[in-house]
Amino acid sequence: MPAGTPVNEEFWIYSPELLLQNYEPGQTYSVVVIGVDSEANKIGFEATAEDDAGNKVGTFVAGFGGFTQILNGGTSITHTALGSTPIADTGTVFFFSWIAPATNVGDVTFYTAVNTANGNGNNTGDQIHFSQFKPGTLGVGIAQNEETQFNMYPNPSDGMISISNTFKSSTTAQVMNIKGQVVKEVILSDQVNSVDLSELKQGIYFVRIGNNTQKLVIN
């Protein structure tokens, strides 16, 4: 086992499609695992989805590029040797899918353990990061509101985006990072608004207006 005290992280595993709602039986959802460590030479992970009794539920499907692979018949998923190399100076992102169980099994929680390794040939200095995600995390007790629906483009973007909306008055858009932290707020007052987010680092963000949230990729 890697040395050091494990660290708990927020939003190192999540599903963009399940942030505001629960799963529908039999449906397929995209899932993302991230690893952030500027000192890491290799980054690996393993993820599962479990019901409240600890039973593994649903089926994982490996993502594109050969960076992930399933384990135990699809009840868990991990990195490949190819996928363990960070894709940026600060970390990496693993994309894959999860097929919800055919029947409703109650609440489901996604769990991941991410190992950020320094590549010194032993486990000294390596770090384990634990993270979990429950569908509906950002939408508990919140109903979707048609008055705050919006379109955002281009996506992915270089940081310059346009937001068109159906709301009738000035409102605020919140831009959140993958940890759920608000990194910028923008006042929107026009039917089509030009928004400059070019000062943000490359990565995955969420734009929230009222009760509606969309994923934004800045590259």
Protein backbone atom coordinates (compact mmCIF):
# COMPACT_ATOMS: atom_id res chain seq x y z
CA MET A 1 0.00 0.00 0.00
CA PRO A 2 1.23 3.54 -0.67
CA ALA A 3 2.65 5.35 2.34
CA GLY A 4 0.92 8.34 3.89
CA THR A 5 -2.54 9.13 5.21
CA PRO A 6 -5.35 8.75 2.64
CA VAL A 7 -6.99 12.03 1.63
CA ASN A 8 -10.71 12.53 1.04
CA GLU A 9 -11.54 14.62 -2.02
CA GLU A 10 -14.76 16.14 -3.35
CA PHE A 11 -15.86 15.52 -6.94
CA TRP A 12 -12.90 13.37 -7.95
CA ILE A 13 -15.65 11.06 -9.23
CA TYR A 14 -18.95 12.28 -10.61
CA SER A 15 -21.44 11.91 -13.43
CA PRO A 16 -22.30 15.18 -15.23
CA GLU A 17 -25.71 13.74 -16.11
CA LEU A 18 -26.52 12.73 -12.54
CA LEU A 19 -25.53 15.90 -10.69
CA LEU A 20 -29.13 17.10 -10.41
CA GLN A 21 -31.13 13.91 -10.77
CA ASN A 22 -31.18 10.26 -9.80
CA TYR A 23 -30.58 7.41 -12.22
CA GLU A 24 -33.20 5.73 -14.38
CA PRO A 25 -33.03 1.90 -14.43
CA GLY A 26 -31.28 0.53 -17.51
CA GLN A 27 -29.98 3.89 -18.72
CA THR A 28 -26.33 4.60 -19.56
CA TYR A 29 -24.51 7.53 -17.95
CA SER A 30 -21.08 9.06 -18.47
CA VAL A 31 -18.79 9.04 -15.43
CA VAL A 32 -15.58 10.98 -14.85
CA VAL A 33 -12.69 10.30 -12.46
CA ILE A 34 -9.97 12.90 -12.08
CA GLY A 35 -6.55 12.86 -10.43
CA VAL A 36 -4.77 16.09 -9.56
CA ASP A 37 -1.17 16.10 -8.34
CA SER A 38 1.55 18.22 -9.96
CA GLU A 39 4.24 15.89 -8.54
CA ALA A 40 2.72 12.65 -9.81
CA ASN A 41 4.54 10.56 -12.41
CA LYS A 42 1.73 8.02 -12.65
CA ILE A 43 -1.96 8.23 -11.71
CA GLY A 44 -4.26 5.22 -11.36
CA PHE A 45 -7.71 4.56 -9.97
CA GLU A 46 -10.37 1.98 -9.25
CA ALA A 47 -14.09 2.77 -9.04
CA THR A 48 -17.29 0.96 -8.06
CA ALA A 49 -20.99 1.79 -7.68
CA GLU A 50 -22.77 0.36 -4.63
CA ASP A 51 -26.22 0.37 -3.06
CA ASP A 52 -26.80 1.23 0.59
CA ALA A 53 -26.11 -2.39 1.58
CA GLY A 54 -22.68 -2.33 -0.05
CA ASN A 55 -23.66 -4.47 -3.05
CA LYS A 56 -21.99 -3.53 -6.32
CA VAL A 57 -24.67 -2.50 -8.79
CA GLY A 58 -24.83 -1.61 -12.47
CA THR A 59 -22.22 -2.32 -15.12
CA PHE A 60 -19.22 -0.21 -16.09
CA VAL A 61 -18.13 0.21 -19.71
CA ALA A 62 -14.55 1.21 -20.56
CA GLY A 63 -14.09 4.60 -22.19
CA PHE A 64 -12.38 5.55 -25.43
CA GLY A 65 -8.64 5.57 -26.08
CA GLY A 66 -7.75 2.42 -24.15
CA PHE A 67 -7.22 4.35 -20.88
CA THR A 68 -9.64 2.29 -18.76
CA GLN A 69 -10.61 -1.36 -18.36
CA ILE A 70 -13.35 -3.20 -16.49
CA LEU A 71 -12.82 -5.60 -13.60
CA ASN A 72 -14.96 -8.40 -12.16
CA GLY A 73 -17.32 -8.60 -15.11
CA GLY A 74 -17.94 -4.87 -15.16
CA THR A 75 -18.81 -4.32 -11.50
CA SER A 76 -15.71 -2.14 -11.14
CA ILE A 77 -13.36 -0.24 -13.44
CA THR A 78 -9.70 0.78 -13.35
CA HIS A 79 -6.95 2.40 -15.42
CA THR A 80 -4.73 0.71 -17.98
CA ALA A 81 -0.96 1.07 -18.25
CA LEU A 82 -1.55 3.53 -21.09
CA GLY A 83 -4.02 5.53 -19.03
CA SER A 84 -1.76 5.88 -15.99
CA THR A 85 0.38 8.59 -17.59
CA PRO A 86 -0.89 12.08 -16.68
CA ILE A 87 -2.31 13.97 -19.65
CA ALA A 88 -1.36 17.38 -18.21
CA ASP A 89 1.20 18.80 -15.80
CA THR A 90 -1.28 18.76 -12.93
CA GLY A 91 -3.12 15.50 -13.46
CA THR A 92 -5.41 13.44 -15.64
CA VAL A 93 -9.04 12.63 -16.40
CA PHE A 94 -10.59 9.19 -16.98
CA PHE A 95 -13.85 8.96 -18.96
CA PHE A 96 -16.10 5.89 -18.96
CA SER A 97 -19.76 4.85 -18.69
CA TRP A 98 -22.05 3.17 -16.18
CA ILE A 99 -25.20 1.27 -17.08
CA ALA A 100 -27.72 1.55 -14.27
CA PRO A 101 -29.25 -1.68 -12.94
CA ALA A 102 -32.34 -2.91 -14.77
CA THR A 103 -34.52 -2.26 -11.72
CA ASN A 104 -34.46 0.47 -9.11
CA VAL A 105 -32.22 -0.67 -6.26
CA GLY A 106 -32.56 2.49 -4.20
CA ASP A 107 -29.81 4.99 -3.60
CA VAL A 108 -26.49 4.36 -5.35
CA THR A 109 -23.10 5.82 -4.44
CA PHE A 110 -20.05 5.87 -6.71
CA TYR A 111 -16.70 5.32 -4.96
CA THR A 112 -13.16 5.74 -6.24
CA ALA A 113 -9.63 5.42 -4.91
CA VAL A 114 -7.06 7.39 -6.92
CA ASN A 115 -3.35 6.69 -6.49
CA THR A 116 -1.03 9.57 -7.39
CA ALA A 117 2.42 7.97 -7.60
CA ASN A 118 5.77 9.74 -7.85
CA GLY A 119 7.38 6.94 -9.85
CA ASN A 120 10.39 6.40 -7.57
CA GLY A 121 10.07 2.61 -7.81
CA ASN A 122 8.44 2.06 -4.41
CA ASN A 123 5.39 3.31 -2.57
CA THR A 124 7.17 5.96 -0.51
CA GLY A 125 5.68 9.35 -1.29
CA ASP A 126 2.69 7.98 -3.17
CA GLN A 127 -0.75 9.21 -2.09
CA ILE A 128 -4.21 7.63 -2.06
CA HIS A 129 -7.21 9.92 -2.59
CA PHE A 130 -10.74 8.69 -1.78
CA SER A 131 -13.83 10.26 -3.29
CA GLN A 132 -17.51 9.41 -3.57
CA PHE A 133 -20.53 10.74 -5.42
CA LYS A 134 -24.26 10.19 -4.99
CA PRO A 135 -26.57 11.02 -7.93
CA GLY A 136 -28.53 14.20 -7.31
CA THR A 137 -25.78 15.76 -5.17
CA LEU A 138 -26.42 19.28 -6.44
CA GLY A 139 -30.14 18.89 -6.89
CA VAL A 140 -31.51 17.58 -3.60
CA GLY A 141 -34.87 19.21 -3.03
CA ILE A 142 -34.56 21.31 -6.21
CA ALA A 143 -36.91 21.08 -9.16
CA GLN A 144 -35.88 22.03 -12.68
CA ASN A 145 -37.20 25.47 -13.63
CA GLU A 146 -38.04 26.15 -17.27
CA GLU A 147 -37.54 29.88 -16.67
CA THR A 148 -33.82 29.34 -16.12
CA GLN A 149 -33.11 26.99 -19.02
CA PHE A 150 -30.21 28.13 -21.19
CA ASN A 151 -27.95 27.21 -24.09
CA MET A 152 -24.18 27.58 -23.87
CA TYR A 153 -21.77 27.45 -26.82
CA PRO A 154 -19.21 26.62 -28.05
CA ASN A 155 -18.52 23.71 -25.77
CA PRO A 156 -15.65 22.76 -25.50
CA SER A 157 -14.42 26.35 -25.53
CA ASP A 158 -11.23 28.36 -25.29
CA GLY A 159 -12.92 30.36 -22.54
CA MET A 160 -15.04 32.68 -24.68
CA ILE A 161 -18.64 31.47 -24.62
CA SER A 162 -22.12 32.69 -25.43
CA ILE A 163 -25.12 31.99 -23.21
CA SER A 164 -28.61 32.30 -24.65
CA ASN A 165 -31.53 32.01 -22.30
CA THR A 166 -35.27 31.93 -21.80
CA PHE A 167 -35.29 34.03 -18.63
CA LYS A 168 -36.89 37.45 -18.88
CA SER A 169 -34.80 39.55 -16.49
CA SER A 170 -31.21 40.01 -15.33
CA THR A 171 -29.86 36.97 -13.52
CA THR A 172 -26.56 35.52 -12.31
CA ALA A 173 -24.61 32.60 -13.76
CA GLN A 174 -22.32 30.77 -11.36
CA VAL A 175 -19.26 28.98 -12.71
CA MET A 176 -18.13 26.10 -10.47
CA ASN A 177 -15.03 23.93 -10.61
CA ILE A 178 -15.15 20.14 -10.28
CA LYS A 179 -15.04 20.46 -6.48
CA GLY A 180 -18.28 22.42 -6.51
CA GLN A 181 -16.54 25.70 -5.63
CA VAL A 182 -17.82 28.89 -7.27
CA VAL A 183 -14.88 30.38 -9.19
CA LYS A 184 -16.74 33.16 -11.00
CA GLU A 185 -20.14 34.84 -11.10
CA VAL A 186 -21.42 36.63 -14.21
CA ILE A 187 -24.45 38.92 -14.51
CA LEU A 188 -26.56 38.07 -17.57
CA SER A 189 -28.95 40.72 -18.82
CA ASP A 190 -29.34 40.03 -22.55
CA GLN A 191 -31.04 37.29 -24.54
CA VAL A 192 -27.59 36.31 -25.83
CA ASN A 193 -24.66 37.05 -23.53
CA SER A 194 -20.93 36.96 -24.33
CA VAL A 195 -18.97 35.65 -21.35
CA ASP A 196 -15.19 35.72 -20.98
CA LEU A 197 -13.84 32.83 -18.88
CA SER A 198 -10.40 32.82 -20.49
CA GLU A 199 -8.71 33.50 -17.15
CA LEU A 200 -9.78 30.05 -15.90
CA LYS A 201 -7.42 27.10 -16.22
CA GLN A 202 -8.10 24.33 -18.69
CA GLY A 203 -10.46 21.74 -17.28
CA ILE A 204 -14.07 20.83 -16.54
CA TYR A 205 -16.46 23.36 -15.02
CA PHE A 206 -20.19 23.62 -14.34
CA VAL A 207 -22.28 26.66 -15.22
CA ARG A 208 -25.37 27.08 -13.08
CA ILE A 209 -28.28 29.46 -13.63
CA GLY A 210 -31.07 29.15 -11.12
CA ASN A 211 -31.84 25.45 -10.78
CA ASN A 212 -30.23 24.33 -14.05
CA THR A 213 -26.59 23.25 -14.43
CA GLN A 214 -24.53 22.39 -17.52
CA LYS A 215 -21.00 21.06 -17.91
CA LEU A 216 -18.42 23.26 -19.67
CA VAL A 217 -15.01 22.10 -20.92
CA ILE A 218 -12.31 24.74 -21.31
CA ASN A 219 -9.34 23.65 -23.38
